[in-house]
Amino acid sequence: PAHVEIIKKALGWVEIPQQTHAQTGELREFASACAKKFDHVVVLGMGGSSLAPDVLRATFGKVAGYPRLHVLDSTDPAQVRALEASLDLSRSLFIVASKSGTTSEPAAFFGYFYNRVRQTAGSQSAGKQFVAITDPGTQLAQEAKEAGFLRIFENDPTIGGRYSALSYFGIVPAALAGYDVATILERGCAALAANSRTTPVDQAAGVRLGATLGALAKNGHDKLTIVTHPEVRAFGAWVEQLVAESTGKSGKGIIPVEGEPLGAPHDYGSDRTFVYVGAGLPSTEHLQ
């Protein structure tokens, strides 16, 4: 019963594509206004709050007329310095992304870059170079109000970090980078409809995939090798975290293997399942 109550409060991701899609017009207007002021958009996050934006950044790159998207999810000082060196701080918008609003790494990133921006823009204007994405009523939301952030996006609190790709955590950075968020969300809605409870199981690709992976894992094939088409190479990193964190419970789970160079069949044991992501994309023969 206790687990059931937890699950009831963790299913917001099921409806979020439709809800976020209703906001796309407003998000496009916000992105257009920001594009006139900023050359860089930087997501300051960790784990689930930053992984989807990083996959989108690696997949879609720079869009003409919009800021370049960056994602900082490492506390390695060398990476922080390298990122800062690539920015014009006076033309950079920072997105502080934290579901709980108290995650240590985003809080440290915010403290560092807020002080740096304040040194160049002054205390009165520094907040206008920051956006917050967090759950309602968090410490981050309060700090953002006090600092005069440009915008505060309050996410649905019933969405866990790893399921937040089509919520504000994934879509706000995507919109600011000029990506076609309406199409991304429409395809998310289509995927949900194709796997709804009214769809026969033999026609629901997502249900069939989940059942297949689960059955194979229970029978010893608990290593999932993710093979991706070059155009969607970054997608494997998102799947890796989703599968590992979602199935790795109570001594059971599926171990995802992403980015591994493929070997010959005899190089593998009997515990592997292979999934290819990229059906329908152009042939990769010219890339061999």
Protein backbone atom coordinates (compact mmCIF):
# COMPACT_ATOMS: atom_id res chain seq x y z
CA PRO A 1 0.00 0.00 0.00
CA ALA A 2 2.81 2.43 0.79
CA HIS A 3 4.33 1.89 -2.66
CA VAL A 4 0.93 2.40 -4.29
CA GLU A 5 0.60 5.80 -2.64
CA ILE A 6 4.06 6.79 -3.87
CA ILE A 7 3.22 5.69 -7.42
CA LYS A 8 -0.04 7.66 -7.40
CA LYS A 9 2.01 10.80 -6.79
CA ALA A 10 4.57 10.04 -9.49
CA LEU A 11 2.55 9.72 -12.71
CA GLY A 12 2.48 13.33 -13.89
CA TRP A 13 4.76 12.44 -16.81
CA VAL A 14 1.92 10.48 -18.43
CA GLU A 15 -0.07 13.63 -19.17
CA ILE A 16 2.71 16.21 -19.40
CA PRO A 17 3.20 16.24 -23.23
CA GLN A 18 -0.35 17.54 -23.74
CA GLN A 19 -0.02 20.09 -20.94
CA THR A 20 3.33 21.40 -22.14
CA HIS A 21 2.11 21.47 -25.75
CA ALA A 22 -0.59 23.93 -24.66
CA GLN A 23 2.21 26.28 -23.57
CA THR A 24 4.24 26.17 -26.80
CA GLY A 25 2.96 29.50 -28.10
CA GLU A 26 3.97 31.28 -24.90
CA LEU A 27 7.32 29.47 -24.84
CA ARG A 28 8.06 30.51 -28.44
CA GLU A 29 7.32 34.14 -27.59
CA PHE A 30 9.60 33.97 -24.57
CA ALA A 31 12.33 32.33 -26.64
CA SER A 32 12.06 34.96 -29.38
CA ALA A 33 12.41 37.77 -26.84
CA CYS A 34 15.44 36.08 -25.24
CA ALA A 35 17.07 35.49 -28.63
CA LYS A 36 17.33 39.28 -29.04
CA LYS A 37 19.28 39.62 -25.78
CA PHE A 38 21.36 36.48 -25.43
CA ASP A 39 23.90 34.52 -27.46
CA HIS A 40 24.21 31.64 -24.99
CA VAL A 41 21.77 29.65 -22.85
CA VAL A 42 23.34 27.55 -20.09
CA VAL A 43 21.50 24.82 -18.18
CA LEU A 44 22.85 24.46 -14.64
CA GLY A 45 21.62 21.07 -13.48
CA MET A 46 22.49 17.53 -12.52
CA GLY A 47 21.13 14.13 -13.55
CA GLY A 48 17.54 14.00 -14.76
CA SER A 49 17.10 17.78 -14.85
CA SER A 50 19.95 18.25 -17.32
CA LEU A 51 20.22 15.02 -19.30
CA ALA A 52 17.34 15.64 -21.74
CA PRO A 53 18.55 19.17 -22.65
CA ASP A 54 22.03 17.74 -23.19
CA VAL A 55 20.69 15.05 -25.55
CA LEU A 56 18.72 17.68 -27.50
CA ARG A 57 21.79 19.96 -27.65
CA ALA A 58 23.98 17.17 -29.00
CA THR A 59 21.33 16.13 -31.52
CA PHE A 60 20.13 19.47 -32.91
CA GLY A 61 23.13 21.76 -32.31
CA LYS A 62 22.95 25.49 -33.00
CA VAL A 63 19.88 27.03 -34.66
CA ALA A 64 20.41 30.22 -36.64
CA GLY A 65 18.99 33.26 -34.89
CA TYR A 66 18.88 31.63 -31.47
CA PRO A 67 21.39 31.28 -28.63
CA ARG A 68 23.76 28.32 -28.44
CA LEU A 69 22.68 25.81 -25.80
CA HIS A 70 25.19 24.62 -23.19
CA VAL A 71 24.68 22.15 -20.35
CA LEU A 72 26.77 22.09 -17.18
CA ASP A 73 26.27 18.96 -15.11
CA SER A 74 29.78 18.42 -13.79
CA THR A 75 31.51 19.90 -10.77
CA ASP A 76 34.94 19.31 -12.32
CA PRO A 77 36.61 22.75 -12.00
CA ALA A 78 38.26 22.33 -15.41
CA GLN A 79 34.87 21.85 -17.09
CA VAL A 80 33.39 24.85 -15.28
CA ARG A 81 36.35 27.01 -16.37
CA ALA A 82 36.14 25.74 -19.95
CA LEU A 83 32.44 26.56 -20.12
CA GLU A 84 32.91 30.03 -18.67
CA ALA A 85 35.73 30.72 -21.14
CA SER A 86 33.38 29.94 -24.03
CA LEU A 87 30.74 32.44 -22.87
CA ASP A 88 30.20 36.16 -23.13
CA LEU A 89 28.75 36.54 -19.63
CA SER A 90 26.95 39.75 -20.54
CA ARG A 91 25.07 37.87 -23.32
CA SER A 92 24.38 34.63 -21.41
CA LEU A 93 21.12 33.36 -19.89
CA PHE A 94 21.46 30.77 -17.13
CA ILE A 95 18.77 28.18 -16.34
CA VAL A 96 18.97 26.85 -12.79
CA ALA A 97 17.24 23.46 -13.00
CA SER A 98 16.46 21.56 -9.80
CA LYS A 99 13.28 19.64 -8.95
CA SER A 100 13.83 19.79 -5.21
CA GLY A 101 15.34 23.25 -5.33
CA THR A 102 18.03 22.17 -2.90
CA THR A 103 20.28 19.91 -5.01
CA SER A 104 23.87 20.76 -4.08
CA GLU A 105 25.42 20.91 -7.56
CA PRO A 106 22.93 23.29 -9.25
CA ALA A 107 22.99 25.44 -6.10
CA ALA A 108 26.79 25.67 -6.35
CA PHE A 109 26.63 26.44 -10.09
CA PHE A 110 24.06 29.17 -9.45
CA GLY A 111 26.11 30.72 -6.65
CA TYR A 112 29.22 30.81 -8.80
CA PHE A 113 27.71 32.22 -11.99
CA TYR A 114 25.39 34.62 -10.18
CA ASN A 115 28.41 36.20 -8.52
CA ARG A 116 30.25 36.33 -11.85
CA VAL A 117 27.29 37.98 -13.61
CA ARG A 118 26.80 40.37 -10.72
CA GLN A 119 30.41 41.52 -11.16
CA THR A 120 29.71 42.46 -14.78
CA ALA A 121 26.03 43.48 -14.76
CA GLY A 122 25.63 44.78 -11.22
CA SER A 123 23.45 43.52 -8.38
CA GLN A 124 20.27 45.14 -9.69
CA SER A 125 20.41 43.52 -13.13
CA ALA A 126 22.06 40.15 -12.47
CA GLY A 127 18.80 38.30 -11.81
CA LYS A 128 17.50 39.16 -15.28
CA GLN A 129 20.07 36.74 -16.71
CA PHE A 130 18.65 33.80 -14.78
CA VAL A 131 15.67 31.48 -15.16
CA ALA A 132 14.58 28.84 -12.64
CA ILE A 133 12.87 25.51 -13.29
CA THR A 134 11.75 23.80 -10.10
CA ASP A 135 8.80 22.36 -8.22
CA PRO A 136 6.31 24.80 -6.64
CA GLY A 137 7.28 26.27 -3.29
CA THR A 138 10.91 25.17 -3.26
CA GLN A 139 13.82 27.06 -1.76
CA LEU A 140 15.06 27.75 -5.30
CA ALA A 141 11.70 29.30 -6.24
CA GLN A 142 11.94 31.62 -3.24
CA GLU A 143 15.55 32.56 -4.00
CA ALA A 144 14.63 33.23 -7.63
CA LYS A 145 11.87 35.62 -6.57
CA GLU A 146 14.18 37.44 -4.18
CA ALA A 147 16.91 37.74 -6.84
CA GLY A 148 14.49 39.02 -9.49
CA PHE A 149 14.92 36.16 -11.96
CA LEU A 150 13.73 36.77 -15.51
CA ARG A 151 11.30 33.87 -15.24
CA ILE A 152 10.35 31.04 -12.85
CA PHE A 153 8.88 27.87 -14.37
CA GLU A 154 7.14 25.72 -11.76
CA ASN A 155 7.06 22.12 -12.93
CA ASP A 156 4.46 19.48 -12.09
CA PRO A 157 5.69 18.07 -8.75
CA THR A 158 4.41 14.57 -9.62
CA ILE A 159 7.11 14.16 -12.29
CA GLY A 160 10.40 12.52 -11.28
CA GLY A 161 13.64 13.89 -12.69
CA ARG A 162 14.31 11.00 -15.05
CA TYR A 163 10.80 11.33 -16.55
CA SER A 164 10.99 15.09 -17.08
CA ALA A 165 12.18 15.28 -20.71
CA LEU A 166 8.87 16.60 -22.07
CA SER A 167 8.17 18.85 -19.08
CA TYR A 168 9.59 22.33 -18.51
CA PHE A 169 12.97 20.77 -17.63
CA GLY A 170 13.49 19.57 -21.19
CA ILE A 171 11.25 21.85 -23.22
CA VAL A 172 12.19 25.30 -21.85
CA PRO A 173 15.90 24.92 -22.78
CA ALA A 174 14.85 23.42 -26.13
CA ALA A 175 12.56 26.37 -26.89
CA LEU A 176 15.23 28.90 -25.94
CA ALA A 177 17.66 27.16 -28.31
CA GLY A 178 15.14 27.50 -31.15
CA TYR A 179 14.26 23.81 -31.45
CA ASP A 180 10.85 22.78 -32.80
CA VAL A 181 9.28 21.98 -29.44
CA ALA A 182 5.78 21.74 -30.89
CA THR A 183 6.79 18.82 -33.11
CA ILE A 184 8.76 17.16 -30.30
CA LEU A 185 5.71 17.32 -28.04
CA GLU A 186 3.28 16.25 -30.77
CA ARG A 187 5.36 13.12 -31.32
CA GLY A 188 5.37 12.50 -27.58
CA CYS A 189 1.58 12.76 -27.54
CA ALA A 190 1.38 10.37 -30.50
CA ALA A 191 3.59 7.85 -28.69
CA LEU A 192 1.36 8.04 -25.62
CA ALA A 193 -1.75 7.50 -27.72
CA ALA A 194 -0.14 4.54 -29.50
CA ASN A 195 0.46 2.87 -26.13
CA SER A 196 -2.73 3.81 -24.33
CA ARG A 197 -4.80 1.33 -22.33
CA THR A 198 -7.28 1.13 -25.21
CA THR A 199 -4.63 0.02 -27.70
CA PRO A 200 -4.37 -3.76 -28.17
CA VAL A 201 -1.13 -4.97 -26.62
CA ASP A 202 0.08 -6.56 -29.86
CA GLN A 203 -0.15 -3.12 -31.53
CA ALA A 204 1.46 -1.08 -28.72
CA ALA A 205 5.17 -0.95 -29.56
CA GLY A 206 6.22 0.55 -26.23
CA VAL A 207 4.33 -2.04 -24.20
CA ARG A 208 5.78 -4.84 -26.30
CA LEU A 209 9.32 -3.48 -25.90
CA GLY A 210 8.95 -3.19 -22.13
CA ALA A 211 7.50 -6.68 -21.84
CA THR A 212 10.25 -8.09 -24.04
CA LEU A 213 13.06 -6.47 -22.03
CA GLY A 214 11.50 -7.58 -18.76
CA ALA A 215 11.01 -11.18 -19.89
CA LEU A 216 14.53 -11.41 -21.28
CA ALA A 217 16.04 -9.96 -18.10
CA LYS A 218 14.18 -12.45 -15.93
CA ASN A 219 15.65 -15.21 -18.08
CA GLY A 220 19.25 -14.07 -17.74
CA HIS A 221 19.55 -11.52 -20.57
CA ASP A 222 19.97 -8.58 -18.18
CA LYS A 223 22.60 -6.58 -20.12
CA LEU A 224 20.97 -4.15 -22.57
CA THR A 225 23.28 -2.91 -25.33
CA ILE A 226 21.92 0.27 -26.93
CA VAL A 227 23.02 0.80 -30.53
CA THR A 228 22.15 4.18 -32.06
CA HIS A 229 22.17 5.70 -35.52
CA PRO A 230 24.85 8.46 -35.73
CA GLU A 231 22.20 11.19 -36.08
CA VAL A 232 20.69 10.23 -32.71
CA ARG A 233 23.85 9.02 -31.00
CA ALA A 234 23.21 11.07 -27.86
CA PHE A 235 19.83 9.40 -27.29
CA GLY A 236 21.59 6.35 -25.85
CA ALA A 237 22.80 8.35 -22.85
CA TRP A 238 19.21 9.29 -21.94
CA VAL A 239 17.97 5.70 -22.30
CA GLU A 240 20.91 4.48 -20.22
CA GLN A 241 19.94 6.58 -17.23
CA LEU A 242 16.23 5.86 -17.59
CA VAL A 243 16.68 2.07 -17.75
CA ALA A 244 19.33 1.87 -15.04
CA GLU A 245 17.55 4.04 -12.50
CA SER A 246 14.04 2.76 -13.22
CA THR A 247 14.78 -0.98 -13.18
CA GLY A 248 17.66 -1.12 -10.70
CA LYS A 249 15.75 -1.83 -7.51
CA SER A 250 16.01 -4.38 -4.69
CA GLY A 251 18.82 -6.37 -6.23
CA LYS A 252 17.11 -6.67 -9.61
CA GLY A 253 17.48 -4.67 -12.79
CA ILE A 254 18.75 -4.28 -16.32
CA ILE A 255 22.30 -3.03 -16.88
CA PRO A 256 22.39 -0.68 -19.90
CA VAL A 257 25.54 -0.58 -22.06
CA GLU A 258 25.77 2.59 -24.17
CA GLY A 259 28.48 3.77 -26.54
CA GLU A 260 30.31 0.45 -26.64
CA PRO A 261 32.02 -0.39 -29.97
CA LEU A 262 30.26 -3.42 -31.41
CA GLY A 263 32.18 -6.68 -31.58
CA ALA A 264 31.58 -9.96 -33.35
CA PRO A 265 28.83 -12.28 -32.05
CA HIS A 266 31.37 -14.57 -30.39
CA ASP A 267 32.64 -11.66 -28.28
CA TYR A 268 29.48 -11.73 -26.18
CA GLY A 269 28.05 -14.05 -23.58
CA SER A 270 24.45 -15.21 -23.39
CA ASP A 271 23.35 -12.34 -21.15
CA ARG A 272 23.02 -9.63 -23.82
CA THR A 273 20.01 -8.02 -25.44
CA PHE A 274 20.62 -5.59 -28.31
CA VAL A 275 18.31 -2.70 -29.17
CA TYR A 276 18.84 -0.48 -32.21
CA VAL A 277 17.57 3.11 -32.23
CA GLY A 278 17.33 4.68 -35.66
CA ALA A 279 14.99 2.69 -37.86
CA GLY A 280 13.87 4.87 -40.77
CA LEU A 281 16.84 7.25 -40.63
CA PRO A 282 19.15 7.57 -43.65
CA SER A 283 21.64 4.81 -44.39
CA THR A 284 24.96 5.09 -42.55
CA GLU A 285 26.99 3.47 -45.33
CA HIS A 286 28.61 6.81 -46.21
CA LEU A 287 29.81 7.04 -42.60
CA GLN A 288 31.56 3.66 -42.52
